[in-house]
Protein backbone atom coordinates (compact mmCIF):
# COMPACT_ATOMS: atom_id res chain seq x y z
CA UNK A 1 -0.12 0.02 -0.13
CA UNK A 2 1.49 3.48 -0.98
CA UNK A 3 2.24 5.59 1.82
CA UNK A 4 2.94 9.54 1.94
CA UNK A 5 6.81 11.06 2.11
CA UNK A 6 5.30 13.33 4.67
CA UNK A 7 8.00 14.30 7.24
CA UNK A 8 10.90 13.06 4.78
CA UNK A 9 12.65 15.34 2.40
CA UNK A 10 15.35 14.10 0.10
CA UNK A 11 18.60 15.17 1.13
CA UNK A 12 20.58 13.84 -1.85
CA UNK A 13 20.34 12.42 -5.40
CA UNK A 14 21.52 8.60 -5.31
CA UNK A 15 25.11 9.48 -6.84
CA UNK A 16 25.04 12.86 -4.86
CA UNK A 17 25.99 10.44 -1.94
CA UNK A 18 29.70 9.49 -1.84
CA UNK A 19 32.64 8.37 0.73
CA UNK A 20 32.61 12.11 1.97
CA UNK A 21 29.10 11.41 3.51
CA UNK A 22 30.28 8.28 5.51
CA UNK A 23 28.80 8.10 9.01
CA UNK A 24 26.23 10.91 8.11
CA UNK A 25 22.04 10.51 8.00
CA UNK A 26 20.88 10.83 4.52
CA UNK A 27 17.09 10.49 2.72
CA UNK A 28 17.22 9.19 -1.01
CA UNK A 29 13.97 8.67 -2.92
CA UNK A 30 13.93 6.76 -6.29
CA UNK A 31 12.88 3.69 -8.09
CA UNK A 32 13.98 0.12 -7.20
CA UNK A 33 16.27 -1.37 -9.96
CA UNK A 34 17.12 -5.03 -8.52
CA UNK A 35 16.63 -6.69 -5.16
CA UNK A 36 18.67 -9.45 -3.61
CA UNK A 37 17.45 -10.94 -0.42
CA UNK A 38 20.33 -12.86 1.22
CA UNK A 39 18.33 -14.24 4.28
CA UNK A 40 19.40 -11.84 6.99
CA UNK A 41 20.44 -9.01 4.50
CA UNK A 42 18.27 -7.31 1.55
CA UNK A 43 20.27 -5.19 -0.75
CA UNK A 44 18.23 -2.74 -3.12
CA UNK A 45 19.70 -1.10 -6.05
CA UNK A 46 17.97 2.39 -5.66
CA UNK A 47 17.78 4.34 -9.49
CA UNK A 48 17.25 8.02 -9.70
CA UNK A 49 18.10 10.55 -12.57
CA UNK A 50 21.45 10.71 -11.31
CA UNK A 51 22.51 7.03 -11.14
CA UNK A 52 22.23 3.76 -8.92
CA UNK A 53 22.87 3.54 -5.06
CA UNK A 54 22.97 0.38 -3.06
CA UNK A 55 20.75 0.31 0.06
CA UNK A 56 21.24 -2.19 2.87
CA UNK A 57 18.56 -3.93 5.05
CA UNK A 58 19.49 -5.57 8.21
CA UNK A 59 17.01 -8.17 9.71
CA UNK A 60 17.94 -6.75 13.44
CA UNK A 61 15.86 -3.84 12.16
CA UNK A 62 12.55 -5.97 12.10
CA UNK A 63 10.24 -4.00 11.14
CA UNK A 64 11.68 -2.22 8.15
CA UNK A 65 13.44 -5.65 7.28
CA UNK A 66 9.86 -7.21 7.01
CA UNK A 67 8.69 -3.98 4.56
CA UNK A 68 11.76 -4.41 2.57
CA UNK A 69 10.66 -8.55 1.69
CA UNK A 70 7.61 -6.80 -0.28
CA UNK A 71 9.96 -4.49 -2.75
CA UNK A 72 9.64 -5.32 -6.37
CA UNK A 73 11.20 -3.67 -9.60
CA UNK A 74 10.04 -0.11 -10.08
CA UNK A 75 8.52 0.50 -6.65
CA UNK A 76 8.85 3.68 -5.74
CA UNK A 77 10.38 4.18 -2.15
CA UNK A 78 11.75 6.88 0.31
CA UNK A 79 14.78 5.56 2.57
CA UNK A 80 16.54 7.28 5.25
CA UNK A 81 19.90 5.74 6.69
CA UNK A 82 23.43 5.98 7.61
CA UNK A 83 26.33 6.20 4.70
CA UNK A 84 28.99 3.40 5.29
CA UNK A 85 31.86 1.80 3.33
CA UNK A 86 30.46 -0.96 1.60
CA UNK A 87 30.75 -4.18 3.06
CA UNK A 88 31.26 -6.51 0.19
CA UNK A 89 33.51 -5.99 -2.83
CA UNK A 90 33.75 -2.60 -4.24
CA UNK A 91 31.56 -2.12 -7.41
CA UNK A 92 33.77 -0.33 -10.15
CA UNK A 93 30.86 -0.13 -12.67
CA UNK A 94 29.04 2.15 -10.20
CA UNK A 95 29.64 5.95 -9.31
CA UNK A 96 28.65 4.84 -5.71
CA UNK A 97 30.10 1.51 -5.78
CA UNK A 98 32.53 1.75 -2.50
CA UNK A 99 29.51 2.88 -0.34
CA UNK A 100 26.26 1.67 0.56
CA UNK A 101 23.30 3.12 3.10
CA UNK A 102 22.21 0.80 5.89
CA UNK A 103 18.32 1.89 6.22
CA UNK A 104 16.61 2.74 9.36
CA UNK A 105 13.22 4.31 7.60
CA UNK A 106 11.66 3.08 4.58
CA UNK A 107 8.30 4.58 2.85
CA UNK A 108 6.86 2.30 -0.04
CA UNK A 109 5.48 5.93 -1.72
CA UNK A 110 3.97 3.42 -4.78
CA UNK A 111 4.07 0.15 -5.97
CA UNK A 112 4.30 -1.23 -9.69
CA UNK A 113 3.24 -3.96 -11.85
CA UNK A 114 5.77 -6.07 -13.36
CA UNK A 115 7.10 -4.12 -16.32
CA UNK A 116 6.62 -5.56 -19.70
CA UNK A 117 10.13 -5.09 -20.26
CA UNK A 118 13.43 -4.90 -18.06
CA UNK A 119 14.26 -1.09 -17.36
CA UNK A 120 17.79 -1.39 -17.90
CA UNK A 121 20.55 -0.61 -20.17
CA UNK A 122 21.22 -2.76 -23.28
CA UNK A 123 17.77 -4.92 -22.61
CA UNK A 124 16.91 -6.34 -26.11
CA UNK A 125 13.58 -4.72 -26.62
CA UNK A 126 11.55 -4.30 -29.83
CA UNK A 127 11.19 -1.03 -30.68
CA UNK A 128 7.36 -0.95 -30.79
CA UNK A 129 6.88 -1.97 -27.37
CA UNK A 130 9.68 0.39 -26.25
CA UNK A 131 7.54 3.27 -27.72
CA UNK A 132 4.11 2.00 -26.30
CA UNK A 133 5.44 2.33 -22.99
CA UNK A 134 7.83 5.03 -23.28
CA UNK A 135 7.45 6.59 -20.06
CA UNK A 136 9.27 3.34 -19.07
CA UNK A 137 11.68 3.36 -21.68
CA UNK A 138 12.70 6.65 -20.80
CA UNK A 139 13.68 5.63 -17.16
CA UNK A 140 16.77 3.92 -18.75
CA UNK A 141 19.88 5.78 -18.06
CA UNK A 142 21.23 6.01 -22.02
CA UNK A 143 17.92 8.09 -22.77
CA UNK A 144 18.01 10.41 -19.53
CA UNK A 145 21.55 10.91 -20.49
CA UNK A 146 20.60 11.56 -24.23
CA UNK A 147 17.88 14.40 -23.12
CA UNK A 148 19.69 15.61 -20.30
CA UNK A 149 22.54 16.22 -22.86
CA UNK A 150 20.03 17.79 -25.45
CA UNK A 151 18.96 19.99 -22.44
CA UNK A 152 22.58 21.14 -21.70
CA UNK A 153 23.15 21.98 -25.60
CA UNK A 154 20.00 24.12 -26.08
CA UNK A 155 21.28 25.89 -22.73
CA UNK A 156 24.49 26.46 -24.18
CA UNK A 157 23.55 27.59 -27.34
CA UNK A 158 21.01 30.09 -25.91
CA UNK A 159 24.02 31.66 -23.80
CA UNK A 160 26.34 31.68 -26.56
CA UNK A 161 23.79 33.44 -29.03
CA UNK A 162 22.83 35.81 -26.58
CA UNK A 163 26.73 36.96 -25.96
CA UNK A 164 26.52 37.29 -29.49
CA UNK A 165 24.09 40.13 -29.80
CA UNK A 166 20.83 37.32 -30.65
CA UNK A 167 17.28 38.17 -29.42
CA UNK A 168 15.14 35.10 -29.01
CA UNK A 169 11.98 35.62 -30.66
CA UNK A 170 8.89 33.23 -30.87
CA UNK A 171 7.16 33.21 -34.23
CA UNK A 172 3.28 31.78 -34.79
CA UNK A 173 2.82 27.96 -35.09
CA UNK A 174 -0.64 28.66 -36.77
CA UNK A 175 0.51 30.50 -40.11
CA UNK A 176 -0.47 30.56 -43.70
CA UNK A 177 0.15 27.43 -46.10
CA UNK A 178 2.86 28.26 -48.85
CA UNK A 179 3.95 26.11 -51.34
CA UNK A 180 7.85 25.12 -52.70
CA UNK A 181 8.45 22.95 -49.66
CA UNK A 182 7.21 19.61 -48.01
CA UNK A 183 3.53 18.81 -47.80
CA UNK A 184 1.99 20.89 -45.02
CA UNK A 185 0.10 19.84 -41.73
CA UNK A 186 -3.14 21.60 -42.04
CA UNK A 187 -5.34 23.03 -39.15
CA UNK A 188 -8.89 23.83 -39.95
CA UNK A 189 -10.46 27.08 -38.71
CA UNK A 190 -13.88 27.04 -36.73
CA UNK A 191 -14.17 31.00 -37.03
CA UNK A 192 -13.52 30.75 -40.63
CA UNK A 193 -15.28 27.73 -42.16
CA UNK A 194 -13.44 26.18 -44.87
CA UNK A 195 -10.06 27.93 -44.07
CA UNK A 196 -6.97 26.44 -43.02
CA UNK A 197 -3.79 27.44 -41.21
CA UNK A 198 -0.58 25.54 -41.81
CA UNK A 199 1.82 24.48 -39.15
CA UNK A 200 5.31 26.09 -40.09
CA UNK A 201 7.67 23.97 -42.01
CA UNK A 202 10.16 26.70 -40.57
CA UNK A 203 9.82 30.03 -39.66
CA UNK A 204 11.68 31.30 -42.69
CA UNK A 205 8.97 34.26 -43.75
CA UNK A 206 8.79 35.16 -40.08
CA UNK A 207 12.24 35.67 -39.42
CA UNK A 208 12.78 37.67 -42.55
CA UNK A 209 10.14 39.81 -41.58
CA UNK A 210 12.04 40.49 -38.45
CA UNK A 211 14.89 41.73 -40.18
CA UNK A 212 12.44 44.07 -41.76
CA UNK A 213 11.47 45.26 -38.28
CA UNK A 214 15.38 45.89 -37.50
CA UNK A 215 15.94 43.35 -34.88
CA UNK A 216 19.34 42.83 -36.37
CA UNK A 217 19.84 39.47 -34.76
CA UNK A 218 17.11 36.84 -34.20
CA UNK A 219 16.96 33.54 -32.60
CA UNK A 220 14.61 30.74 -31.83
CA UNK A 221 14.48 27.21 -30.84
CA UNK A 222 11.67 26.52 -33.08
CA UNK A 223 9.08 23.62 -33.55
CA UNK A 224 8.74 22.79 -37.30
CA UNK A 225 6.20 20.44 -39.20
CA UNK A 226 6.56 18.30 -42.18
CA UNK A 227 4.04 15.85 -43.76
CA UNK A 228 6.47 14.10 -45.54
CA UNK A 229 7.62 10.06 -45.51
CA UNK A 230 9.93 9.22 -42.34
CA UNK A 231 13.01 7.46 -41.91
CA UNK A 232 15.64 7.08 -38.94
CA UNK A 233 17.10 10.74 -39.07
CA UNK A 234 13.40 12.43 -39.79
CA UNK A 235 10.47 12.99 -37.60
CA UNK A 236 7.24 14.75 -38.78
CA UNK A 237 7.61 17.34 -35.95
CA UNK A 238 11.22 18.23 -35.42
CA UNK A 239 12.96 21.22 -33.99
CA UNK A 240 15.38 23.65 -35.67
CA UNK A 241 17.92 26.26 -33.89
CA UNK A 242 16.76 29.03 -36.33
CA UNK A 243 18.85 32.15 -36.91
CA UNK A 244 18.91 35.24 -38.93
CA UNK A 245 21.24 38.16 -39.33
CA UNK A 246 21.18 41.76 -40.92
CA UNK A 247 23.98 43.28 -43.01
CA UNK A 248 25.74 40.16 -43.23
CA UNK A 249 27.15 38.05 -46.02
CA UNK A 250 28.22 34.18 -46.29
CA UNK A 251 31.40 34.73 -44.45
CA UNK A 252 29.53 36.39 -41.67
CA UNK A 253 27.25 33.50 -41.01
CA UNK A 254 29.69 30.93 -41.75
CA UNK A 255 32.19 33.00 -38.79
CA UNK A 256 29.65 32.96 -35.91
CA UNK A 257 28.42 29.54 -36.37
CA UNK A 258 31.98 28.09 -36.67
CA UNK A 259 32.75 29.72 -33.43
CA UNK A 260 29.24 28.29 -32.11
CA UNK A 261 30.10 24.80 -32.81
CA UNK A 262 33.45 25.08 -31.79
CA UNK A 263 32.71 26.35 -28.14
CA UNK A 264 29.63 23.66 -28.45
CA UNK A 265 31.53 20.61 -28.65
CA UNK A 266 34.62 21.97 -26.46
CA UNK A 267 31.70 22.55 -23.49
CA UNK A 268 29.65 19.29 -24.13
CA UNK A 269 31.94 16.73 -25.40
CA UNK A 270 35.45 18.02 -24.78
CA UNK A 271 36.19 17.65 -28.51
CA UNK A 272 38.23 20.39 -30.14
CA UNK A 273 37.03 21.44 -33.50
CA UNK A 274 39.71 22.79 -36.00
CA UNK A 275 38.82 26.28 -37.45
CA UNK A 276 38.34 27.25 -40.07
CA UNK A 277 36.02 24.44 -41.10
CA UNK A 278 37.10 23.04 -44.52
CA UNK A 279 34.64 24.62 -47.50
CA UNK A 280 33.72 22.47 -50.91
CA UNK A 281 31.71 24.04 -53.51
CA UNK A 282 28.51 21.84 -54.15
CA UNK A 283 29.72 20.58 -57.66
CA UNK A 284 33.08 19.49 -56.27
CA UNK A 285 31.38 17.39 -53.37
CA UNK A 286 29.14 15.67 -55.98
CA UNK A 287 31.91 15.20 -58.13
CA UNK A 288 34.16 13.73 -55.48
CA UNK A 289 31.71 12.03 -53.14
CA UNK A 290 28.33 11.67 -55.17
CA UNK A 291 26.63 13.52 -52.57
CA UNK A 292 25.91 16.95 -51.31
CA UNK A 293 26.48 15.77 -47.71
CA UNK A 294 29.49 13.98 -47.83
CA UNK A 295 31.14 11.78 -45.13
CA UNK A 296 34.90 12.74 -45.29
CA UNK A 297 36.04 10.50 -42.63
CA UNK A 298 37.32 8.37 -45.29
CA UNK A 299 38.56 8.03 -48.83
CA UNK A 300 37.40 5.90 -51.70
CA UNK A 301 36.48 8.96 -53.75
CA UNK A 302 34.59 8.96 -57.40
CA UNK A 303 36.54 9.01 -60.39
CA UNK A 304 35.52 10.32 -63.49
CA UNK A 305 36.55 8.08 -66.53
CA UNK A 306 34.10 9.64 -68.89
CA UNK A 307 36.68 10.74 -71.22
CA UNK A 308 38.74 7.58 -70.93
CA UNK A 309 36.09 5.02 -72.08
CA UNK A 310 34.50 7.73 -74.80
CA UNK A 311 35.19 6.03 -77.82
CA UNK A 312 35.22 2.32 -76.15
CA UNK A 313 33.54 -0.58 -77.63
CA UNK A 314 31.49 -1.29 -74.54
CA UNK A 315 27.82 -0.01 -75.41
CA UNK A 316 26.69 0.76 -71.98
CA UNK A 317 29.22 3.35 -71.46
CA UNK A 318 29.30 4.82 -74.67
CA UNK A 319 25.25 4.98 -74.79
CA UNK A 320 25.20 7.06 -71.62
CA UNK A 321 27.84 9.38 -72.70
CA UNK A 322 26.04 10.19 -75.79
CA UNK A 323 22.84 10.95 -73.96
CA UNK A 324 24.57 13.49 -72.07
CA UNK A 325 25.75 11.36 -69.16
CA UNK A 326 29.15 10.30 -67.52
CA UNK A 327 30.66 7.04 -66.62
CA UNK A 328 32.16 7.13 -63.10
CA UNK A 329 33.79 4.58 -60.83
CA UNK A 330 35.00 3.67 -57.32
CA UNK A 331 38.30 1.81 -56.54
CA UNK A 332 37.27 -0.51 -53.64
CA UNK A 333 41.34 -1.09 -52.49
CA UNK A 334 41.93 -4.89 -51.80
CA UNK A 335 38.74 -6.30 -52.43
CA UNK A 336 39.57 -7.99 -55.66
CA UNK A 337 38.78 -11.42 -54.31
CA UNK A 338 35.53 -10.45 -53.24
CA UNK A 339 32.79 -13.37 -53.88
CA UNK A 340 30.52 -13.15 -56.82
CA UNK A 341 27.44 -13.12 -54.23
CA UNK A 342 28.58 -10.28 -52.84
CA UNK A 343 29.27 -8.40 -55.73
CA UNK A 344 25.80 -9.50 -57.11
CA UNK A 345 24.63 -7.82 -53.75
CA UNK A 346 26.60 -4.33 -54.76
CA UNK A 347 24.95 -4.52 -58.20
CA UNK A 348 21.39 -5.06 -56.63
CA UNK A 349 21.91 -2.13 -54.33
CA UNK A 350 22.92 -0.20 -57.07
CA UNK A 351 19.74 -0.79 -59.22
CA UNK A 352 17.80 0.25 -55.78
CA UNK A 353 19.46 3.75 -56.09
CA UNK A 354 18.32 3.93 -59.99
CA UNK A 355 20.98 2.11 -61.58
CA UNK A 356 20.33 -0.10 -64.43
CA UNK A 357 23.14 -2.07 -63.55
CA UNK A 358 26.79 -2.06 -62.06
CA UNK A 359 30.02 -2.91 -64.21
CA UNK A 360 32.98 -4.17 -62.63
CA UNK A 361 36.68 -5.54 -62.95
CA UNK A 362 37.84 -7.82 -60.09
CA UNK A 363 41.73 -7.83 -60.06
CA UNK A 364 43.29 -10.71 -58.52
CA UNK A 365 46.52 -10.79 -56.76
CA UNK A 366 48.29 -12.95 -59.60
CA UNK A 367 47.86 -10.11 -61.98
CA UNK A 368 44.63 -11.62 -63.68
CA UNK A 369 41.38 -9.90 -64.18
CA UNK A 370 37.79 -10.66 -64.38
CA UNK A 371 35.49 -8.22 -66.08
CA UNK A 372 31.97 -7.91 -66.14
CA UNK A 373 32.25 -6.16 -69.49
CA UNK A 374 34.11 -6.59 -72.72
CA UNK A 375 36.84 -4.12 -73.97
CA UNK A 376 40.00 -4.10 -76.16
CA UNK A 377 43.09 -4.86 -73.84
CA UNK A 378 44.25 -1.46 -74.50
CA UNK A 379 41.14 0.04 -73.38
CA UNK A 380 41.02 -1.78 -70.51
CA UNK A 381 44.73 -0.75 -69.70
CA UNK A 382 43.80 2.72 -69.78
CA UNK A 383 40.65 2.30 -67.90
CA UNK A 384 42.31 0.41 -64.97
CA UNK A 385 45.07 3.44 -65.11
CA UNK A 386 43.03 6.01 -64.98
CA UNK A 387 40.97 4.50 -61.62
CA UNK A 388 44.76 3.39 -60.33
CA UNK A 389 43.83 -0.04 -59.98
CA UNK A 390 46.44 -2.37 -58.50
CA UNK A 391 46.50 -6.11 -58.13
CA UNK A 392 43.97 -7.25 -55.19
CA UNK A 393 41.49 -4.16 -56.26
CA UNK A 394 37.98 -4.10 -57.28
CA UNK A 395 36.73 -1.26 -59.66
CA UNK A 396 33.05 -0.91 -59.92
CA UNK A 397 31.62 1.71 -62.63
CA UNK A 398 28.05 3.23 -63.18
CA UNK A 399 27.08 5.03 -66.43
CA UNK A 400 24.15 7.06 -66.47
CA UNK A 401 22.68 10.38 -66.04
CA UNK A 402 25.16 12.68 -63.77
CA UNK A 403 22.26 12.71 -61.10
CA UNK A 404 21.65 9.05 -61.22
CA UNK A 405 25.21 8.37 -61.38
CA UNK A 406 26.59 10.36 -58.28
CA UNK A 407 23.40 8.99 -56.49
CA UNK A 408 24.58 5.39 -57.26
CA UNK A 409 28.04 5.52 -56.24
CA UNK A 410 27.55 8.04 -53.51
CA UNK A 411 25.37 5.15 -51.47
CA UNK A 412 27.52 2.21 -52.73
CA UNK A 413 30.47 4.24 -51.05
CA UNK A 414 28.76 4.56 -47.84
CA UNK A 415 27.23 0.92 -48.18
CA UNK A 416 31.22 -0.40 -48.69
CA UNK A 417 32.60 1.87 -45.79
CA UNK A 418 30.48 0.36 -43.64
CA UNK A 419 30.93 -3.05 -44.91
CA UNK A 420 34.33 -2.94 -44.87
CA UNK A 421 34.87 -0.87 -41.41
CA UNK A 422 36.45 2.19 -43.23
CA UNK A 423 34.74 4.60 -40.74
CA UNK A 424 36.58 6.11 -37.54
CA UNK A 425 33.28 6.37 -35.42
CA UNK A 426 35.31 8.52 -32.98
CA UNK A 427 35.93 11.42 -35.28
CA UNK A 428 33.86 14.68 -35.84
CA UNK A 429 34.27 15.75 -39.07
CA UNK A 430 32.67 19.15 -40.38
CA UNK A 431 32.52 20.54 -43.84
CA UNK A 432 30.64 23.52 -45.31
CA UNK A 433 29.22 22.69 -48.65
CA UNK A 434 28.85 26.10 -50.54
CA UNK A 435 27.53 27.53 -53.73
CA UNK A 436 24.30 25.18 -54.24
CA UNK A 437 22.66 25.35 -57.46
CA UNK A 438 19.78 28.09 -57.34
CA UNK A 439 17.38 26.12 -59.20
CA UNK A 440 16.87 22.28 -59.90
CA UNK A 441 14.84 20.91 -62.79
CA UNK A 442 11.70 18.94 -62.34
CA UNK A 443 11.15 16.40 -64.72
CA UNK A 444 7.75 15.93 -63.17
CA UNK A 445 6.48 19.46 -63.44
CA UNK A 446 8.59 20.22 -66.46
CA UNK A 447 10.11 23.48 -64.95
CA UNK A 448 12.77 24.75 -62.58
CA UNK A 449 12.00 24.61 -58.97
CA UNK A 450 14.04 26.54 -56.31
CA UNK A 451 16.63 24.26 -54.96
CA UNK A 452 16.31 25.86 -51.10
CA UNK A 453 13.58 28.42 -51.27
CA UNK A 454 12.40 31.42 -53.75
CA UNK A 455 14.15 34.02 -51.26
CA UNK A 456 17.94 32.93 -51.88
CA UNK A 457 20.36 35.24 -53.16
CA UNK A 458 22.36 34.07 -56.59
CA UNK A 459 25.99 34.47 -56.69
CA UNK A 460 26.65 38.14 -57.79
CA UNK A 461 28.30 36.89 -60.99
CA UNK A 462 25.55 34.74 -61.91
CA UNK A 463 22.56 37.30 -61.84
CA UNK A 464 22.57 37.68 -65.50
CA UNK A 465 21.74 33.91 -66.04
CA UNK A 466 18.58 33.83 -64.24
CA UNK A 467 16.65 34.26 -67.24
CA UNK A 468 18.70 32.83 -69.82
CA UNK A 469 20.73 29.55 -68.38
CA UNK A 470 18.98 29.25 -65.25
CA UNK A 471 20.96 25.89 -64.56
CA UNK A 472 24.02 27.40 -64.14
CA UNK A 473 23.05 30.02 -61.73
CA UNK A 474 24.80 29.36 -58.25
CA UNK A 475 23.25 30.55 -55.14
CA UNK A 476 24.57 32.13 -52.25
CA UNK A 477 23.82 28.83 -50.16
CA UNK A 478 25.53 26.64 -47.60
CA UNK A 479 25.33 23.73 -45.54
CA UNK A 480 27.10 22.50 -42.41
CA UNK A 481 27.78 19.08 -42.68
CA UNK A 482 29.01 16.44 -39.67
CA UNK A 483 29.97 12.72 -40.79
CA UNK A 484 27.99 12.63 -43.96
CA UNK A 485 24.74 14.26 -42.49
CA UNK A 486 23.13 17.71 -43.00
CA UNK A 487 23.02 19.21 -39.51
CA UNK A 488 22.07 22.87 -40.89
CA UNK A 489 21.93 24.89 -43.79
CA UNK A 490 20.91 28.43 -44.99
CA UNK A 491 21.74 31.19 -47.23
CA UNK A 492 21.97 34.81 -47.82
CA UNK A 493 18.57 36.13 -48.86
CA UNK A 494 17.25 38.39 -51.63
CA UNK A 495 16.80 42.16 -50.64
CA UNK A 496 16.41 43.81 -53.87
CA UNK A 497 12.81 43.75 -55.20
CA UNK A 498 14.08 43.70 -58.64
CA UNK A 499 16.03 40.59 -58.30
CA UNK A 500 13.19 39.11 -56.09
CA UNK A 501 10.81 39.53 -58.97
CA UNK A 502 13.08 38.14 -61.69
CA UNK A 503 13.43 35.05 -59.40
CA UNK A 504 9.70 34.51 -59.02
CA UNK A 505 9.28 35.00 -62.63
CA UNK A 506 12.11 32.23 -63.53
CA UNK A 507 9.99 29.92 -60.76
CA UNK A 508 6.78 30.37 -63.07
CA UNK A 509 4.83 32.66 -60.64
CA UNK A 510 2.94 35.46 -62.04
CA UNK A 511 2.62 38.82 -60.49
CA UNK A 512 -0.90 37.73 -58.80
CA UNK A 513 0.31 34.28 -57.58
CA UNK A 514 3.74 35.64 -56.07
CA UNK A 515 1.44 38.10 -54.14
CA UNK A 516 -1.17 35.61 -53.40
CA UNK A 517 1.46 33.29 -51.68
CA UNK A 518 3.97 35.76 -50.01
CA UNK A 519 2.49 39.14 -50.44
CA UNK A 520 2.70 40.08 -46.95
CA UNK A 521 7.07 39.49 -47.36
CA UNK A 522 6.95 41.20 -50.85
CA UNK A 523 4.90 44.26 -49.42
CA UNK A 524 7.11 44.33 -46.10
CA UNK A 525 10.27 44.37 -48.77
CA UNK A 526 8.81 47.77 -49.95
CA UNK A 527 9.50 49.76 -46.90
CA UNK A 528 13.25 49.03 -46.37
CA UNK A 529 14.90 46.04 -46.27
CA UNK A 530 18.37 45.03 -45.11
CA UNK A 531 20.76 42.75 -46.67
CA UNK A 532 20.08 39.39 -44.23
CA UNK A 533 21.21 35.67 -44.13
CA UNK A 534 20.28 32.79 -41.96
CA UNK A 535 20.76 29.51 -40.97
CA UNK A 536 18.97 26.93 -39.06
CA UNK A 537 20.29 23.68 -37.49
CA UNK A 538 18.26 20.53 -37.57
CA UNK A 539 18.54 20.15 -33.67
CA UNK A 540 17.31 16.50 -33.09
CA UNK A 541 20.07 15.37 -36.05
CA UNK A 542 22.95 17.29 -33.79
CA UNK A 543 22.29 15.83 -30.67
CA UNK A 544 22.13 12.33 -32.25
CA UNK A 545 25.46 12.99 -33.38
CA UNK A 546 26.60 14.33 -30.21
CA UNK A 547 25.17 11.47 -28.28
CA UNK A 548 26.78 8.89 -30.63
CA UNK A 549 23.28 7.52 -31.66
CA UNK A 550 22.13 6.31 -35.01
CA UNK A 551 18.40 6.83 -34.39
CA UNK A 552 16.53 10.09 -34.11
CA UNK A 553 14.08 8.55 -31.90
CA UNK A 554 16.95 8.34 -29.28
CA UNK A 555 17.16 11.72 -28.51
CA UNK A 556 13.45 12.72 -28.63
CA UNK A 557 11.29 12.11 -25.62
CA UNK A 558 8.19 11.02 -27.20
CA UNK A 559 8.84 10.49 -30.94
CA UNK A 560 6.58 9.32 -33.84
CA UNK A 561 7.01 5.95 -35.75
CA UNK A 562 7.74 5.31 -39.51
CA UNK A 563 3.59 6.32 -40.22
CA UNK A 564 3.85 9.58 -38.23
CA UNK A 565 1.59 7.90 -35.57
CA UNK A 566 2.48 7.94 -31.64
CA UNK A 567 2.19 4.16 -30.26
CA UNK A 568 1.87 5.30 -26.80
CA UNK A 569 -1.01 7.99 -27.09
CA UNK A 570 -2.25 5.96 -30.20
CA UNK A 571 -2.45 9.64 -32.14
CA UNK A 572 -3.79 10.63 -34.66
CA UNK A 573 -7.38 9.27 -33.54
CA UNK A 574 -10.73 9.72 -35.30
CA UNK A 575 -12.68 12.82 -33.47
CA UNK A 576 -16.10 13.27 -32.24
CA UNK A 577 -18.40 13.98 -35.20
CA UNK A 578 -19.76 17.22 -33.28
CA UNK A 579 -16.26 18.46 -33.34
CA UNK A 580 -16.13 17.89 -37.22
CA UNK A 581 -19.26 19.78 -37.60
CA UNK A 582 -18.23 22.81 -35.62
CA UNK A 583 -15.24 22.77 -38.03
CA UNK A 584 -17.31 22.47 -41.09
CA UNK A 585 -15.32 19.28 -41.98
CA UNK A 586 -17.07 15.95 -43.24
CA UNK A 587 -14.73 12.77 -43.58
CA UNK A 588 -14.89 10.36 -46.22
CA UNK A 589 -14.53 6.56 -46.04
CA UNK A 590 -11.18 6.24 -48.27
CA UNK A 591 -11.92 2.46 -48.90
CA UNK A 592 -15.32 3.32 -49.59
CA UNK A 593 -14.13 5.79 -52.45
CA UNK A 594 -11.57 3.58 -53.85
């Protein structure tokens, strides 16, 4: 039966008790992690946010000892007792492994049923079960450590940015729906039947308006929402560290953020980030790594052999080149003897990323070669030479449009690095990727789309190509990449009305359509707008890297699963017909419609 804690006040968290307290009376409270009954003695491992502490109950203290017999895993208790040197062997794995508390007073504050899985580190529990009982899962030390680190990170960022002159301002979460991004989450309005707010995909337009309002430097740790397909490092609701600065260019934004990252990693992880962080243009990143967020912790870069195989006898290569594509390869060092089964798996993987196939040359240690395609000896020698192929190497090739070749070999490079254990997981490799294309062509819509958003400033020297050759226009856009993951990105914004007009026109917006979607921003720009630029970090992703987790759900208290549902609360759910009526909404039976 549960008791009150009346008269007892917690004096220490579990790991705040140390050998400096030997002989003192302390009061601790928490959850029972484990109970061991040795007949005349009962040992309890007590757990709270700070860690574990061993409690001892002696049969000589009859009433308390009898009560301790009833304790089970996850009971919540309060215990008062005297700290003493541990009678048994010191437990090196516990912060409090050299002491214990002999309990004089015990209160059972709350009893617990047997939990559906053990509340302990490395319990091999299915993720569905963990998320259904997330409140139990969150008791595990690693999740408590992760969320504590997340709190430390946001506290540090706030302090650092405040010292840099940034003002924290909250922006609305009920916004106007605007296109050119992922799908919006919509919120119906009761007061305006048939009309909807959108939840913000980012505070982009608001932060630009704050620059128009003269705040000079803004920051916000902002909730954002995107209705898109999920993966390990993506959630429908996520958190951005969002910032905007006035009277700046690319170098100013990079400068303050490099100093932030250096200070943050030193403070939280005691890791030294070397400044300046390397910069690489988008086209160089794509050509070398097949990715605009390259993992630079290992080599195995892409090699362009288009010119080498231009006139060769292998139709797959020449056909791709004639269609405006390229032929590129990877040299997988020392893997010439890779079994055929494994090579076939690589081919399947390449097909999964859009390739029609994958050509390869296996170079055996004895100097013989096995190739999946035919060429003259001279052509083969030239190709191997261009790939720096040595006996024992495996050379793989993709031939198609650039976009597909980059995608295929970029993904294959990462897959092979994991397979061959080429990545030093203790490294933190930062990289700025700069000069992104301003536009990207959409075959689906048969027009150019903004690669970032319609308010991104083109490079000064490319302004003249907006109308005549949009494909060659580079943007003043930049991403900060960590270990092959984009942790943040931003751009300099357009502040001249004529350039903004040309940009919207190039994206297919009529003046009317532009004003319908972005009128409030375009109107604000008529009244004196400073040059401004910004950046936003994906906080969840940044924390994931800093905690060493592989899954973003491990750093979010109550995450959603792949279909954007919450297994614990069972959201989303159907709502009462009366609520829908008030919102002038009628639902349809999708199956019936089909």
